[in-house]
C-alpha cells in the first residue's frame, strides 16, 4: 500500500478486514484479544473515504485517534472531525458512525468496553450524500 498520507503507524496495519458494514477498505490489527479484561482492543485503519455503517455497542466504545483525519457522528448531532490525539468516548447503545475523511487515511485504536453487556448492533449505511458534504 502506498499513499503519502499514511505515515508509519505505531502499531502494525494488520489484515484487510472484510465486512459488509464498511464502504471501502479497512484494516484491523488486534492488540488485546477478548479475554478476562473484557475490553478487546484493535488498531483500525480506514482507507480514504471509507466509513462504517450506523451502529451501536451494548457496552460502549472508546476511540483513540492516532493518524490521519476522520469523522465521528452520533445520531441527531453534527459530525465532528477527528485528528491524532483526539479521544472519543461512546456510551452504551448510542447510534453512531466513524471513519476516514474523503482525502485522508485514518487510524484509531478501538477499545470495546463492557463486552459482557453484548455486542455491536449494525444498522443502515450512512447517507453518502451527507458524508460528501463534510469539509
N, C-alpha and C. Protein backbone atom coordinates (compact mmCIF):
# COMPACT_ATOMS: atom_id res chain seq x y z
N UNK A 1 0.85 -1.16 0.00
CA UNK A 1 0.00 0.00 0.00
C UNK A 1 0.90 1.22 0.00
N UNK A 2 0.57 2.18 -0.85
CA UNK A 2 1.34 3.41 -0.83
C UNK A 2 0.39 4.59 -0.93
N UNK A 3 0.59 5.54 -0.05
CA UNK A 3 -0.18 6.77 -0.05
C UNK A 3 0.59 7.74 0.81
N UNK A 4 0.76 8.96 0.32
CA UNK A 4 1.56 9.94 1.06
C UNK A 4 0.97 10.27 2.42
N UNK A 5 -0.34 10.10 2.58
CA UNK A 5 -0.97 10.49 3.82
C UNK A 5 -0.98 9.39 4.87
N UNK A 6 -0.54 8.20 4.51
CA UNK A 6 -0.45 7.13 5.50
C UNK A 6 0.99 7.09 5.99
N UNK A 7 1.22 7.62 7.19
CA UNK A 7 2.57 7.62 7.75
C UNK A 7 2.78 6.30 8.46
N UNK A 8 4.01 6.03 8.83
CA UNK A 8 4.31 4.78 9.52
C UNK A 8 3.54 4.74 10.84
N UNK A 9 2.64 3.79 10.99
CA UNK A 9 1.84 3.73 12.22
C UNK A 9 2.65 3.17 13.39
N UNK A 10 2.16 3.45 14.58
CA UNK A 10 2.78 2.93 15.80
C UNK A 10 2.60 1.42 15.87
N UNK A 11 1.39 0.95 15.51
CA UNK A 11 1.07 -0.47 15.53
C UNK A 11 0.99 -0.99 14.11
N UNK A 12 1.14 -2.29 13.91
CA UNK A 12 1.05 -2.85 12.55
C UNK A 12 -0.31 -2.55 11.91
N UNK A 13 -0.29 -2.42 10.58
CA UNK A 13 -1.51 -2.15 9.82
C UNK A 13 -2.53 -3.27 9.99
N UNK A 14 -2.07 -4.49 10.02
CA UNK A 14 -2.98 -5.62 10.15
C UNK A 14 -3.48 -6.10 8.80
N UNK A 15 -4.48 -6.94 8.86
CA UNK A 15 -5.04 -7.56 7.66
C UNK A 15 -6.25 -6.78 7.15
N UNK A 16 -6.46 -6.86 5.84
CA UNK A 16 -7.68 -6.30 5.27
C UNK A 16 -8.86 -6.98 5.94
N UNK A 17 -9.79 -6.20 6.44
CA UNK A 17 -10.93 -6.70 7.21
C UNK A 17 -12.16 -6.69 6.31
N UNK A 18 -12.63 -7.85 5.94
CA UNK A 18 -13.79 -7.96 5.08
C UNK A 18 -15.06 -7.85 5.91
N UNK A 19 -15.90 -6.86 5.59
CA UNK A 19 -17.13 -6.68 6.33
C UNK A 19 -18.15 -5.95 5.46
N UNK A 20 -19.38 -6.38 5.48
CA UNK A 20 -20.42 -5.67 4.72
C UNK A 20 -20.81 -4.34 5.37
N UNK A 21 -20.25 -4.03 6.55
CA UNK A 21 -20.63 -2.84 7.28
C UNK A 21 -19.69 -1.66 7.07
N UNK A 22 -18.73 -1.81 6.12
CA UNK A 22 -17.81 -0.74 5.75
C UNK A 22 -17.94 -0.52 4.25
N UNK A 23 -17.81 0.72 3.79
CA UNK A 23 -18.00 1.01 2.38
C UNK A 23 -16.69 1.02 1.58
N UNK A 24 -15.62 0.56 2.16
CA UNK A 24 -14.32 0.55 1.48
C UNK A 24 -13.34 -0.31 2.24
N UNK A 25 -12.06 -0.09 1.97
CA UNK A 25 -11.02 -0.90 2.61
C UNK A 25 -10.73 -0.43 4.03
N UNK A 26 -10.72 -1.40 4.93
CA UNK A 26 -10.39 -1.15 6.32
C UNK A 26 -9.48 -2.29 6.78
N UNK A 27 -8.50 -1.95 7.60
CA UNK A 27 -7.51 -2.93 8.08
C UNK A 27 -7.62 -3.02 9.59
N UNK A 28 -7.46 -4.25 10.12
CA UNK A 28 -7.59 -4.46 11.56
C UNK A 28 -6.41 -5.26 12.08
N UNK A 29 -5.82 -4.76 13.15
CA UNK A 29 -4.76 -5.46 13.86
C UNK A 29 -5.18 -5.59 15.32
N UNK A 30 -5.63 -6.78 15.74
CA UNK A 30 -5.97 -6.96 17.16
C UNK A 30 -4.74 -6.69 18.04
N UNK A 31 -4.95 -5.94 19.11
CA UNK A 31 -3.87 -5.63 20.05
C UNK A 31 -4.07 -6.34 21.38
N UNK A 32 -5.31 -6.40 21.86
CA UNK A 32 -5.67 -7.11 23.08
C UNK A 32 -6.86 -7.99 22.72
N UNK A 33 -6.73 -9.29 22.82
CA UNK A 33 -7.84 -10.16 22.45
C UNK A 33 -8.97 -10.10 23.47
N UNK A 34 -10.09 -10.68 23.10
CA UNK A 34 -11.17 -10.82 24.08
C UNK A 34 -10.66 -11.77 25.15
N UNK A 35 -10.62 -11.29 26.39
CA UNK A 35 -10.11 -12.10 27.49
C UNK A 35 -10.77 -11.65 28.79
N UNK A 36 -10.20 -12.00 29.90
CA UNK A 36 -10.78 -11.67 31.20
C UNK A 36 -10.86 -10.17 31.46
N UNK A 37 -10.13 -9.36 30.71
CA UNK A 37 -10.19 -7.91 30.90
C UNK A 37 -11.46 -7.30 30.32
N UNK A 38 -12.16 -8.06 29.47
CA UNK A 38 -13.41 -7.60 28.87
C UNK A 38 -13.28 -6.29 28.11
N UNK A 39 -12.17 -6.13 27.39
CA UNK A 39 -12.02 -4.92 26.56
C UNK A 39 -11.14 -5.22 25.34
N UNK A 40 -11.68 -5.99 24.37
CA UNK A 40 -10.92 -6.22 23.15
C UNK A 40 -10.49 -4.88 22.54
N UNK A 41 -9.25 -4.83 22.08
CA UNK A 41 -8.66 -3.59 21.58
C UNK A 41 -7.97 -3.87 20.26
N UNK A 42 -8.25 -3.04 19.25
CA UNK A 42 -7.67 -3.24 17.92
C UNK A 42 -7.22 -1.91 17.31
N UNK A 43 -6.18 -1.99 16.49
CA UNK A 43 -5.76 -0.88 15.65
C UNK A 43 -6.57 -0.98 14.36
N UNK A 44 -7.34 0.06 14.04
CA UNK A 44 -8.20 0.06 12.86
C UNK A 44 -7.75 1.18 11.93
N UNK A 45 -7.49 0.85 10.66
CA UNK A 45 -7.06 1.84 9.67
C UNK A 45 -8.05 1.84 8.52
N UNK A 46 -8.61 3.02 8.25
CA UNK A 46 -9.57 3.23 7.16
C UNK A 46 -8.86 3.87 5.98
N UNK A 47 -9.08 3.35 4.77
CA UNK A 47 -8.60 4.00 3.55
C UNK A 47 -9.40 5.29 3.35
N UNK A 48 -8.87 6.24 2.58
CA UNK A 48 -9.61 7.47 2.33
C UNK A 48 -11.03 7.19 1.84
N UNK A 49 -12.00 7.89 2.45
CA UNK A 49 -13.39 7.74 2.06
C UNK A 49 -14.10 6.55 2.66
N UNK A 50 -13.40 5.70 3.39
CA UNK A 50 -14.03 4.52 3.99
C UNK A 50 -14.63 4.88 5.34
N UNK A 51 -15.90 4.54 5.50
CA UNK A 51 -16.60 4.75 6.77
C UNK A 51 -17.41 3.49 7.07
N UNK A 52 -17.86 3.39 8.31
CA UNK A 52 -18.71 2.24 8.64
C UNK A 52 -20.17 2.66 8.70
N UNK A 53 -21.05 1.68 8.75
CA UNK A 53 -22.48 1.93 8.87
C UNK A 53 -22.79 2.51 10.25
N UNK A 54 -23.99 3.05 10.37
CA UNK A 54 -24.50 3.41 11.68
C UNK A 54 -24.50 2.13 12.53
N UNK A 55 -24.17 2.27 13.79
CA UNK A 55 -24.16 1.12 14.68
C UNK A 55 -24.14 1.60 16.13
N UNK A 56 -24.32 0.67 17.04
CA UNK A 56 -24.19 0.97 18.47
C UNK A 56 -23.52 -0.22 19.14
N UNK A 57 -23.00 0.02 20.33
CA UNK A 57 -22.33 -1.02 21.11
C UNK A 57 -23.05 -1.14 22.44
N UNK A 58 -23.47 -2.34 22.78
CA UNK A 58 -24.21 -2.55 24.03
C UNK A 58 -23.39 -2.14 25.25
N UNK A 59 -22.07 -2.26 25.16
CA UNK A 59 -21.21 -1.91 26.29
C UNK A 59 -20.42 -0.63 26.12
N UNK A 60 -20.61 0.07 25.01
CA UNK A 60 -19.87 1.30 24.76
C UNK A 60 -18.56 1.03 24.02
N UNK A 61 -17.86 2.11 23.70
CA UNK A 61 -16.62 2.02 22.94
C UNK A 61 -15.78 3.28 23.20
N UNK A 62 -14.48 3.12 23.10
CA UNK A 62 -13.55 4.24 23.17
C UNK A 62 -12.71 4.21 21.90
N UNK A 63 -12.53 5.38 21.27
CA UNK A 63 -11.66 5.53 20.10
C UNK A 63 -10.51 6.45 20.46
N UNK A 64 -9.28 6.00 20.23
CA UNK A 64 -8.08 6.80 20.43
C UNK A 64 -7.49 7.07 19.05
N UNK A 65 -7.62 8.28 18.57
CA UNK A 65 -7.20 8.63 17.20
C UNK A 65 -5.69 8.81 17.15
N UNK A 66 -5.05 8.11 16.19
CA UNK A 66 -3.59 8.11 16.15
C UNK A 66 -2.99 8.61 14.85
N UNK A 67 -3.74 8.64 13.75
CA UNK A 67 -3.14 9.00 12.46
C UNK A 67 -4.21 9.47 11.49
N UNK A 68 -3.88 10.47 10.69
CA UNK A 68 -4.77 10.91 9.62
C UNK A 68 -5.91 11.78 10.12
N UNK A 69 -6.95 11.85 9.29
CA UNK A 69 -8.12 12.67 9.61
C UNK A 69 -9.37 11.86 9.34
N UNK A 70 -10.31 11.94 10.29
CA UNK A 70 -11.53 11.18 10.15
C UNK A 70 -12.73 11.94 10.68
N UNK A 71 -13.83 11.21 10.78
CA UNK A 71 -15.09 11.79 11.24
C UNK A 71 -15.77 10.84 12.22
N UNK A 72 -16.52 11.43 13.14
CA UNK A 72 -17.37 10.70 14.08
C UNK A 72 -18.68 11.45 14.17
N UNK A 73 -19.80 10.70 14.18
CA UNK A 73 -21.09 11.35 14.33
C UNK A 73 -22.03 10.47 15.13
N UNK A 74 -22.71 11.10 16.08
CA UNK A 74 -23.80 10.46 16.81
C UNK A 74 -25.11 10.88 16.16
N UNK A 75 -26.06 10.00 16.18
CA UNK A 75 -27.36 10.31 15.61
C UNK A 75 -27.94 11.58 16.24
N UNK A 76 -28.42 12.48 15.38
CA UNK A 76 -29.04 13.71 15.85
C UNK A 76 -28.07 14.83 16.16
N UNK A 77 -26.77 14.58 15.98
CA UNK A 77 -25.75 15.59 16.25
C UNK A 77 -24.91 15.83 15.00
N UNK A 78 -24.21 16.95 14.97
CA UNK A 78 -23.32 17.25 13.85
C UNK A 78 -22.10 16.34 13.89
N UNK A 79 -21.57 16.01 12.71
CA UNK A 79 -20.33 15.23 12.63
C UNK A 79 -19.19 16.05 13.20
N UNK A 80 -18.24 15.37 13.85
CA UNK A 80 -17.06 16.06 14.37
C UNK A 80 -15.81 15.49 13.72
N UNK A 81 -14.92 16.40 13.32
CA UNK A 81 -13.66 15.99 12.71
C UNK A 81 -12.77 15.36 13.78
N UNK A 82 -12.05 14.31 13.38
CA UNK A 82 -11.13 13.63 14.29
C UNK A 82 -9.72 13.72 13.75
N UNK A 83 -8.77 13.98 14.66
CA UNK A 83 -7.36 14.11 14.33
C UNK A 83 -6.53 13.37 15.38
N UNK A 84 -5.25 13.11 15.08
CA UNK A 84 -4.41 12.42 16.05
C UNK A 84 -4.46 13.11 17.42
N UNK A 85 -4.62 12.31 18.44
CA UNK A 85 -4.70 12.81 19.80
C UNK A 85 -6.12 12.95 20.32
N UNK A 86 -7.11 12.92 19.42
CA UNK A 86 -8.50 13.01 19.86
C UNK A 86 -8.94 11.69 20.50
N UNK A 87 -9.78 11.80 21.50
CA UNK A 87 -10.35 10.64 22.19
C UNK A 87 -11.87 10.77 22.13
N UNK A 88 -12.53 9.71 21.71
CA UNK A 88 -13.99 9.69 21.65
C UNK A 88 -14.49 8.62 22.61
N UNK A 89 -15.34 9.04 23.56
CA UNK A 89 -15.97 8.10 24.48
C UNK A 89 -17.43 7.93 24.05
N UNK A 90 -17.78 6.72 23.65
CA UNK A 90 -19.10 6.45 23.11
C UNK A 90 -19.88 5.63 24.15
N UNK A 91 -20.91 6.24 24.75
CA UNK A 91 -21.69 5.50 25.74
C UNK A 91 -22.41 4.30 25.13
N UNK A 92 -22.84 3.40 25.96
CA UNK A 92 -23.58 2.22 25.53
C UNK A 92 -24.84 2.62 24.77
N UNK A 93 -25.10 1.87 23.70
CA UNK A 93 -26.34 1.98 22.92
C UNK A 93 -26.53 3.32 22.20
N UNK A 94 -25.46 4.09 22.00
CA UNK A 94 -25.56 5.34 21.24
C UNK A 94 -25.31 5.03 19.76
N UNK A 95 -26.26 5.37 18.91
CA UNK A 95 -26.14 5.15 17.47
C UNK A 95 -25.14 6.15 16.90
N UNK A 96 -24.14 5.63 16.17
CA UNK A 96 -23.06 6.47 15.66
C UNK A 96 -22.40 5.81 14.46
N UNK A 97 -21.49 6.56 13.80
CA UNK A 97 -20.62 6.02 12.76
C UNK A 97 -19.28 6.74 12.87
N UNK A 98 -18.25 6.17 12.25
CA UNK A 98 -16.95 6.82 12.19
C UNK A 98 -16.16 6.26 11.02
N UNK A 99 -15.13 7.00 10.62
CA UNK A 99 -14.29 6.55 9.52
C UNK A 99 -13.43 7.68 9.00
N UNK A 100 -12.83 7.44 7.85
CA UNK A 100 -11.86 8.38 7.27
C UNK A 100 -12.54 9.56 6.57
N UNK A 101 -11.81 10.65 6.49
CA UNK A 101 -12.20 11.76 5.62
C UNK A 101 -12.02 11.29 4.18
N UNK A 102 -12.65 11.99 3.26
CA UNK A 102 -12.59 11.60 1.84
C UNK A 102 -11.16 11.59 1.30
N UNK A 103 -10.31 12.47 1.84
CA UNK A 103 -8.97 12.67 1.27
C UNK A 103 -7.84 12.25 2.20
N UNK A 104 -8.13 11.41 3.19
CA UNK A 104 -7.10 11.06 4.17
C UNK A 104 -7.28 9.64 4.69
N UNK A 105 -6.18 8.96 4.90
CA UNK A 105 -6.21 7.73 5.69
C UNK A 105 -6.57 8.13 7.11
N UNK A 106 -7.09 7.20 7.88
CA UNK A 106 -7.44 7.49 9.27
C UNK A 106 -7.26 6.22 10.10
N UNK A 107 -6.56 6.37 11.23
CA UNK A 107 -6.33 5.24 12.13
C UNK A 107 -6.77 5.60 13.54
N UNK A 108 -7.45 4.67 14.17
CA UNK A 108 -7.77 4.81 15.59
C UNK A 108 -7.62 3.46 16.28
N UNK A 109 -7.37 3.52 17.57
CA UNK A 109 -7.41 2.35 18.41
C UNK A 109 -8.85 2.23 18.89
N UNK A 110 -9.45 1.07 18.69
CA UNK A 110 -10.82 0.82 19.12
C UNK A 110 -10.79 -0.07 20.35
N UNK A 111 -11.40 0.42 21.42
CA UNK A 111 -11.50 -0.35 22.66
C UNK A 111 -12.97 -0.64 22.91
N UNK A 112 -13.33 -1.90 22.87
CA UNK A 112 -14.69 -2.31 23.17
C UNK A 112 -14.81 -2.47 24.68
N UNK A 113 -15.72 -1.72 25.29
CA UNK A 113 -15.83 -1.72 26.75
C UNK A 113 -17.05 -2.54 27.19
N UNK A 114 -16.96 -3.07 28.38
CA UNK A 114 -18.09 -3.78 28.99
C UNK A 114 -18.71 -4.82 28.06
N UNK A 115 -17.87 -5.64 27.43
CA UNK A 115 -18.38 -6.57 26.41
C UNK A 115 -19.37 -7.59 26.97
N UNK A 116 -19.37 -7.77 28.28
CA UNK A 116 -20.33 -8.68 28.86
C UNK A 116 -21.76 -8.17 28.65
N UNK A 117 -21.93 -6.89 28.32
CA UNK A 117 -23.26 -6.31 28.08
C UNK A 117 -23.82 -6.69 26.72
N UNK A 118 -22.96 -7.15 25.81
CA UNK A 118 -23.41 -7.53 24.47
C UNK A 118 -22.51 -6.95 23.41
N UNK A 119 -22.86 -7.21 22.15
CA UNK A 119 -22.01 -6.84 21.04
C UNK A 119 -22.45 -5.59 20.31
N UNK A 120 -22.09 -5.56 19.03
CA UNK A 120 -22.37 -4.43 18.16
C UNK A 120 -23.68 -4.68 17.41
N UNK A 121 -24.52 -3.67 17.35
CA UNK A 121 -25.76 -3.72 16.59
C UNK A 121 -25.55 -2.89 15.33
N UNK A 122 -25.36 -3.56 14.19
CA UNK A 122 -25.12 -2.88 12.91
C UNK A 122 -26.43 -2.46 12.28
N UNK A 123 -26.42 -1.26 11.71
CA UNK A 123 -27.63 -0.68 11.14
C UNK A 123 -27.38 -0.26 9.68
N UNK A 124 -28.16 0.71 9.22
CA UNK A 124 -28.10 1.14 7.82
C UNK A 124 -26.82 1.90 7.50
N UNK A 125 -26.46 1.93 6.20
CA UNK A 125 -25.30 2.72 5.78
C UNK A 125 -25.54 4.22 6.01
N UNK A 126 -24.47 4.95 6.18
CA UNK A 126 -24.52 6.41 6.28
C UNK A 126 -24.93 6.96 4.92
N UNK A 127 -25.71 8.02 4.91
CA UNK A 127 -26.11 8.70 3.68
C UNK A 127 -24.86 9.34 3.08
N UNK A 128 -24.38 8.79 1.97
CA UNK A 128 -23.13 9.28 1.37
C UNK A 128 -23.26 10.70 0.85
N UNK A 129 -24.46 11.13 0.50
CA UNK A 129 -24.65 12.50 0.07
C UNK A 129 -24.34 13.45 1.24
N UNK A 130 -24.79 13.09 2.45
CA UNK A 130 -24.48 13.88 3.63
C UNK A 130 -22.99 13.81 3.98
N UNK A 131 -22.42 12.61 3.92
CA UNK A 131 -20.98 12.45 4.19
C UNK A 131 -20.15 13.31 3.24
N UNK A 132 -20.51 13.32 1.96
CA UNK A 132 -19.75 14.08 0.96
C UNK A 132 -19.81 15.59 1.17
N UNK A 133 -20.74 16.06 1.99
CA UNK A 133 -20.83 17.50 2.30
C UNK A 133 -19.83 17.90 3.39
N UNK A 134 -19.27 16.92 4.10
CA UNK A 134 -18.33 17.24 5.19
C UNK A 134 -17.06 17.83 4.59
N UNK A 135 -16.51 18.82 5.26
CA UNK A 135 -15.31 19.53 4.75
C UNK A 135 -14.11 18.63 4.70
